Each structure stands twice: as C-alpha cells, then as structure tokens.
C-alpha atoms as a PDB file:
ATOM      1  CA  MET A   1       0.000   0.000   0.000  1.00  0.00           C
ATOM      2  CA  ILE A   2       1.325   3.436  -0.987  1.00  0.00           C
ATOM      3  CA  THR A   3       0.651   6.478   1.212  1.00  0.00           C
ATOM      4  CA  TYR A   4       0.266   9.676  -0.805  1.00  0.00           C
ATOM      5  CA  TYR A   5      -0.662  12.008   2.065  1.00  0.00           C
ATOM      6  CA  ASP A   6      -0.888  11.609   5.829  1.00  0.00           C
ATOM      7  CA  ASP A   7      -1.642  14.061   8.628  1.00  0.00           C
ATOM      8  CA  ARG A   8      -3.693  14.036  11.828  1.00  0.00           C
ATOM      9  CA  SER A   9      -7.081  13.928  10.123  1.00  0.00           C
ATOM     10  CA  VAL A  10      -6.498  12.918   6.477  1.00  0.00           C
ATOM     11  CA  GLN A  11      -4.783   9.906   4.956  1.00  0.00           C
ATOM     12  CA  VAL A  12      -4.734   9.199   1.229  1.00  0.00           C
ATOM     13  CA  THR A  13      -3.420   5.775   0.247  1.00  0.00           C
ATOM     14  CA  SER A  14      -3.512   3.571  -2.826  1.00  0.00           C
ATOM     15  CA  ALA A  15      -6.478   1.738  -1.259  1.00  0.00           C
ATOM     16  CA  ALA A  16      -8.647   4.411   0.356  1.00  0.00           C
ATOM     17  CA  ILE A  17      -9.155   7.982   1.489  1.00  0.00           C
ATOM     18  CA  ARG A  18      -9.565   8.386   5.256  1.00  0.00           C
ATOM     19  CA  VAL A  19     -10.894  11.674   6.618  1.00  0.00           C
ATOM     20  CA  ASP A  20     -11.636  12.201  10.330  1.00  0.00           C
ATOM     21  CA  GLY A  21     -12.097   8.483  10.961  1.00  0.00           C
ATOM     22  CA  ARG A  22     -14.304   7.841   7.901  1.00  0.00           C
ATOM     23  CA  THR A  23     -12.905   5.543   5.203  1.00  0.00           C
ATOM     24  CA  PHE A  24     -13.775   5.781   1.510  1.00  0.00           C
ATOM     25  CA  PRO A  25     -12.270   2.913  -0.540  1.00  0.00           C
ATOM     26  CA  LEU A  26     -11.055   4.116  -3.953  1.00  0.00           C
ATOM     27  CA  ALA A  27     -12.958   1.267  -5.627  1.00  0.00           C
ATOM     28  CA  GLU A  28     -16.250   2.785  -4.363  1.00  0.00           C
ATOM     29  CA  ILE A  29     -15.550   6.366  -5.485  1.00  0.00           C
ATOM     30  CA  GLY A  30     -17.139   7.304  -8.779  1.00  0.00           C
ATOM     31  CA  MET A  31     -16.098  10.937  -9.186  1.00  0.00           C
ATOM     32  CA  VAL A  32     -13.946  13.526  -7.381  1.00  0.00           C
ATOM     33  CA  TRP A  33     -14.254  17.305  -7.666  1.00  0.00           C
ATOM     34  CA  HIS A  34     -13.526  20.447  -5.701  1.00  0.00           C
ATOM     35  CA  ARG A  35     -15.288  23.723  -4.922  1.00  0.00           C
ATOM     36  CA  ARG A  36     -14.180  27.103  -3.662  1.00  0.00           C
ATOM     37  CA  GLY A  37     -16.226  29.118  -1.220  1.00  0.00           C
ATOM     38  CA  SER A  38     -16.542  32.884  -1.014  1.00  0.00           C
ATOM     39  CA  ARG A  39     -13.683  35.066   0.151  1.00  0.00           C
ATOM     40  CA  SER A  40     -13.208  35.651   3.847  1.00  0.00           C
ATOM     41  CA  TRP A  41     -13.317  39.360   4.608  1.00  0.00           C
ATOM     42  CA  ARG A  42     -11.586  38.669   7.920  1.00  0.00           C
ATOM     43  CA  VAL A  43      -8.524  37.299   6.116  1.00  0.00           C
ATOM     44  CA  LEU A  44      -8.489  40.204   3.653  1.00  0.00           C
ATOM     45  CA  ALA A  45      -8.796  42.721   6.493  1.00  0.00           C
ATOM     46  CA  GLY A  46      -5.883  41.010   8.255  1.00  0.00           C
ATOM     47  CA  ARG A  47      -3.746  41.363   5.124  1.00  0.00           C
ATOM     48  CA  GLY A  48      -4.673  45.048   4.938  1.00  0.00           C
ATOM     49  CA  ALA A  49      -3.684  45.505   8.573  1.00  0.00           C
ATOM     50  CA  LEU A  50      -0.309  43.877   7.901  1.00  0.00           C
ATOM     51  CA  GLY A  51       0.220  46.213   4.934  1.00  0.00           C
ATOM     52  CA  ALA A  52      -0.682  49.222   7.071  1.00  0.00           C
ATOM     53  CA  ALA A  53       1.691  48.042   9.793  1.00  0.00           C
ATOM     54  CA  LEU A  54       4.468  47.893   7.207  1.00  0.00           C
ATOM     55  CA  ALA A  55       3.691  51.320   5.756  1.00  0.00           C
ATOM     56  CA  GLY A  56       2.892  53.093   9.038  1.00  0.00           C
ATOM     57  CA  PRO A  57       6.417  53.877  10.250  1.00  0.00           C
ATOM     58  CA  LEU A  58       7.517  54.967   6.758  1.00  0.00           C
ATOM     59  CA  VAL A  59       4.563  57.329   6.436  1.00  0.00           C
ATOM     60  CA  ALA A  60       5.255  58.679   9.929  1.00  0.00           C
ATOM     61  CA  ALA A  61       8.886  59.324   8.991  1.00  0.00           C
ATOM     62  CA  ALA A  62       7.917  61.122   5.786  1.00  0.00           C
ATOM     63  CA  LEU A  63       5.368  63.242   7.648  1.00  0.00           C
ATOM     64  CA  GLY A  64       7.978  64.097  10.300  1.00  0.00           C
ATOM     65  CA  ILE A  65      10.465  65.258   7.676  1.00  0.00           C
ATOM     66  CA  ALA A  66       7.766  67.308   5.939  1.00  0.00           C
ATOM     67  CA  LEU A  67       6.771  68.829   9.286  1.00  0.00           C
ATOM     68  CA  ALA A  68      10.382  69.741  10.100  1.00  0.00           C
ATOM     69  CA  VAL A  69      10.762  71.534   6.764  1.00  0.00           C
ATOM     70  CA  TRP A  70       7.360  73.243   7.017  1.00  0.00           C
ATOM     71  CA  LEU A  71       7.943  74.587  10.580  1.00  0.00           C
ATOM     72  CA  HIS A  72      10.987  76.675   9.543  1.00  0.00           C
ATOM     73  CA  ARG A  73      12.529  76.329  13.017  1.00  0.00           C
ATOM     74  CA  SER A  74      16.167  76.555  13.905  1.00  0.00           C
ATOM     75  CA  LEU A  75      18.633  74.162  12.339  1.00  0.00           C
ATOM     76  CA  THR A  76      18.942  72.234  15.631  1.00  0.00           C
ATOM     77  CA  VAL A  77      15.174  71.635  15.907  1.00  0.00           C
ATOM     78  CA  THR A  78      14.920  70.675  12.218  1.00  0.00           C
ATOM     79  CA  ILE A  79      17.801  68.191  12.554  1.00  0.00           C
ATOM     80  CA  ALA A  80      16.232  66.715  15.720  1.00  0.00           C
ATOM     81  CA  VAL A  81      12.823  66.259  14.061  1.00  0.00           C
ATOM     82  CA  VAL A  82      14.361  64.808  10.878  1.00  0.00           C
ATOM     83  CA  GLY A  83      16.590  62.487  12.960  1.00  0.00           C
ATOM     84  CA  ALA A  84      13.635  61.251  15.008  1.00  0.00           C
ATOM     85  CA  SER A  85      11.639  60.725  11.805  1.00  0.00           C
ATOM     86  CA  VAL A  86      14.450  58.731  10.223  1.00  0.00           C
ATOM     87  CA  LEU A  87      14.695  56.566  13.359  1.00  0.00           C
ATOM     88  CA  VAL A  88      10.939  55.921  13.189  1.00  0.00           C
ATOM     89  CA  GLY A  89      11.332  54.982   9.511  1.00  0.00           C
ATOM     90  CA  LEU A  90      14.205  52.644  10.311  1.00  0.00           C
ATOM     91  CA  ALA A  91      12.074  50.923  12.963  1.00  0.00           C
ATOM     92  CA  VAL A  92      10.187  49.188  10.170  1.00  0.00           C
ATOM     93  CA  GLY A  93      13.326  47.250   9.150  1.00  0.00           C
ATOM     94  CA  PRO A  94      13.535  44.695  11.962  1.00  0.00           C
ATOM     95  CA  VAL A  95       9.763  44.298  12.085  1.00  0.00           C
ATOM     96  CA  ALA A  96       9.342  44.026   8.288  1.00  0.00           C
ATOM     97  CA  ASP A  97      10.736  40.493   8.106  1.00  0.00           C
ATOM     98  CA  LEU A  98       8.239  39.254  10.677  1.00  0.00           C
ATOM     99  CA  LEU A  99       5.342  41.067   8.998  1.00  0.00           C
ATOM    100  CA  PHE A 100       6.293  39.795   5.534  1.00  0.00           C
ATOM    101  CA  GLU A 101       6.443  36.261   6.926  1.00  0.00           C
ATOM    102  CA  HIS A 102       2.891  36.614   8.298  1.00  0.00           C
ATOM    103  CA  LEU A 103       1.744  38.065   4.980  1.00  0.00           C
ATOM    104  CA  ASP A 104       3.337  35.141   3.099  1.00  0.00           C
ATOM    105  CA  ARG A 105       1.612  32.628   5.360  1.00  0.00           C
ATOM    106  CA  SER A 106      -1.691  34.426   4.838  1.00  0.00           C
ATOM    107  CA  TYR A 107      -1.413  33.952   1.069  1.00  0.00           C
ATOM    108  CA  ALA A 108      -0.322  30.321   1.470  1.00  0.00           C
ATOM    109  CA  ARG A 109      -3.386  29.593   3.605  1.00  0.00           C
ATOM    110  CA  GLY A 110      -5.697  31.422   1.219  1.00  0.00           C
ATOM    111  CA  SER A 111      -8.779  33.525   1.778  1.00  0.00           C
ATOM    112  CA  ARG A 112     -11.449  30.966   0.851  1.00  0.00           C
ATOM    113  CA  GLN A 113     -12.854  27.734   2.166  1.00  0.00           C
ATOM    114  CA  ARG A 114     -12.087  24.877  -0.205  1.00  0.00           C
ATOM    115  CA  GLU A 115     -13.934  21.587  -0.391  1.00  0.00           C
ATOM    116  CA  ILE A 116     -13.168  18.164  -1.854  1.00  0.00           C
ATOM    117  CA  TRP A 117     -16.256  16.199  -2.867  1.00  0.00           C
ATOM    118  CA  ALA A 118     -16.634  12.636  -4.114  1.00  0.00           C
ATOM    119  CA  ARG A 119     -19.430  10.509  -5.495  1.00  0.00           C
ATOM    120  CA  TRP A 120     -19.338   7.582  -3.077  1.00  0.00           C
ATOM    121  CA  ARG A 121     -21.800   4.727  -3.517  1.00  0.00           C
ATOM    122  CA  GLY A 122     -23.804   6.955  -5.858  1.00  0.00           C
ATOM    123  CA  GLN A 123     -24.158   9.867  -3.407  1.00  0.00           C
ATOM    124  CA  PRO A 124     -22.167  13.126  -3.262  1.00  0.00           C
ATOM    125  CA  VAL A 125     -20.096  13.223  -0.082  1.00  0.00           C
ATOM    126  CA  LEU A 126     -18.073  16.117   1.300  1.00  0.00           C
ATOM    127  CA  LEU A 127     -14.672  14.601   2.038  1.00  0.00           C
ATOM    128  CA  LEU A 128     -12.880  17.686   3.317  1.00  0.00           C
ATOM    129  CA  ARG A 129     -13.450  21.391   3.958  1.00  0.00           C
ATOM    130  CA  THR A 130     -10.468  23.574   4.808  1.00  0.00           C
ATOM    131  CA  GLY A 131      -9.415  27.194   4.655  1.00  0.00           C
ATOM    132  CA  ASP A 132      -5.758  26.246   4.263  1.00  0.00           C
ATOM    133  CA  ALA A 133      -5.045  26.487   0.533  1.00  0.00           C
ATOM    134  CA  LEU A 134      -1.612  24.886   0.815  1.00  0.00           C
ATOM    135  CA  ARG A 135      -2.959  21.858   2.692  1.00  0.00           C
ATOM    136  CA  PHE A 136      -5.916  21.606   0.296  1.00  0.00           C
ATOM    137  CA  GLY A 137      -3.556  21.515  -2.689  1.00  0.00           C
ATOM    138  CA  LYS A 138      -1.429  18.772  -1.144  1.00  0.00           C
ATOM    139  CA  ILE A 139      -4.449  16.632  -0.301  1.00  0.00           C
ATOM    140  CA  TYR A 140      -6.166  17.139  -3.643  1.00  0.00           C
ATOM    141  CA  ARG A 141      -2.989  16.285  -5.542  1.00  0.00           C
ATOM    142  CA  ALA A 142      -2.593  13.167  -3.378  1.00  0.00           C
ATOM    143  CA  VAL A 143      -6.151  12.127  -4.262  1.00  0.00           C
ATOM    144  CA  GLN A 144      -5.348  12.661  -7.950  1.00  0.00           C
ATOM    145  CA  ARG A 145      -2.210  10.519  -7.708  1.00  0.00           C
ATOM    146  CA  ALA A 146      -4.057   7.783  -5.810  1.00  0.00           C
ATOM    147  CA  VAL A 147      -6.799   7.695  -8.430  1.00  0.00           C
ATOM    148  CA  GLU A 148      -4.336   7.774 -11.340  1.00  0.00           C
ATOM    149  CA  ASN A 149      -2.343   4.891  -9.867  1.00  0.00           C
ATOM    150  CA  ALA A 150      -5.349   2.814  -8.747  1.00  0.00           C
ATOM    151  CA  GLY A 151      -5.511  -0.775  -9.898  1.00  0.00           C
ATOM    152  CA  PRO A 152      -7.264  -1.660 -13.183  1.00  0.00           C
ATOM    153  CA  GLY A 153     -10.459  -2.727 -11.445  1.00  0.00           C
ATOM    154  CA  SER A 154     -11.075   0.587  -9.720  1.00  0.00           C
ATOM    155  CA  ARG A 155      -9.569   2.991 -12.240  1.00  0.00           C
ATOM    156  CA  SER A 156     -12.179   3.252 -14.945  1.00  0.00           C
ATOM    157  CA  ALA A 157     -14.968   5.242 -13.306  1.00  0.00           C
ATOM    158  CA  VAL A 158     -12.814   7.385 -11.071  1.00  0.00           C
ATOM    159  CA  GLN A 159     -10.102   8.212 -13.574  1.00  0.00           C
ATOM    160  CA  SER A 160     -12.591   9.256 -16.229  1.00  0.00           C
ATOM    161  CA  ALA A 161     -14.235  11.576 -13.684  1.00  0.00           C
ATOM    162  CA  ILE A 162     -11.087  13.553 -12.869  1.00  0.00           C
ATOM    163  CA  GLY A 163     -10.003  15.797 -15.693  1.00  0.00           C
ATOM    164  CA  PRO A 164      -6.506  17.154 -16.251  1.00  0.00           C
ATOM    165  CA  SER A 165      -7.175  20.071 -13.919  1.00  0.00           C
ATOM    166  CA  GLY A 166      -8.808  17.855 -11.334  1.00  0.00           C
ATOM    167  CA  THR A 167     -12.096  19.716 -11.480  1.00  0.00           C
ATOM    168  CA  SER A 168     -15.550  18.319 -11.759  1.00  0.00           C
ATOM    169  CA  PRO A 169     -16.966  17.801 -15.212  1.00  0.00           C
ATOM    170  CA  ARG A 170     -20.059  19.729 -14.143  1.00  0.00           C
ATOM    171  CA  PRO A 171     -20.246  23.521 -13.654  1.00  0.00           C
ATOM    172  CA  ARG A 172     -19.260  25.073 -10.340  1.00  0.00           C
ATOM    173  CA  SER A 173     -20.784  28.095  -8.682  1.00  0.00           C
ATOM    174  CA  ARG A 174     -18.668  31.248  -8.663  1.00  0.00           C
ATOM    175  CA  SER A 175     -19.672  32.338  -5.164  1.00  0.00           C
END
C-alpha cells in the first residue's frame, strides 16, 4: 500500500481515502471534484492591517520630515525632528521580516474555504473542507495521484471523472 498524504485527520493511500475516521475505498468512489467558497473578509482585512503596519512607520517618517521643513525652526530643531523621523522609519526594518512572513503565510493559507467532494456509492459526499489552501492543494494532488495509480479494477470510473485540472466535469458556482 502506498501512502500519498498523511496528517492528523487525512490519509490518502492507494487503497482508500480516510478523513476524520471515515474511510472511503477508492474502488467505491465514482467521481472527485472540488469547490471554492466565497472570500473571507476577515482574512483580507488582516492582510490590509499587515500592509498598514508595514507602511505606518515609513509614512510617519515622511510626515515628520515634511513637518520639520514646514515649521521653519532653527537648524537644531529641524535636525532633531528629521533624525527622530528617520529613526521611526528605520524601525520598520527589523519588524518588516516578521510582517512579511505573516503576509506570506496568509497567502499560502488562502482567503477561501475549499472543499473536496466525491461521489461515493452513488451519493455526493463532502470529504474535506479547509481554509488552508496549501494543505488543500497537497491533499487534492494526493487524491489525484491515488486515483491515477489505482488498480485496473477501480480505475475506470474514477479516472474518467477527474479531468486534467482535477475539477468536476459539471459547472461550479462562482460564489
């Protein structure tokens, strides 16, 4: 038996797909497809907040320099305000790496719920729902590989149901 994917709740092998304790033998699966849900505004707002956190100190530094020039104070005061503004702008450097890492992870996880469905014993069954796009991709690709490499007896119906892109042969909703 070949294991294509294995984590705490999902296992895809050459014999079956196991999700949260439920087992779906590949020989009993007639079709596999996926769906995307609507975007999560919470995730998008979080990305916007990360972008603002990155830009905030730079904007503050630029405003401080503009203020120092606009005030027309003595050279000492202008240099102090510009120096403080530059220090505020430089504060973004050490924090930027951490913020970019969080932003990267946000894009890897995705902003939508994704679902893997299968026709099992003639009925559509939701195999998996996750908001983690990276995990979804790994699991869906594992299901594709398991179906492609299934034995001759179980290949015909399942393999003809998964197209080259892995999507369902029927239309999906765009919501």
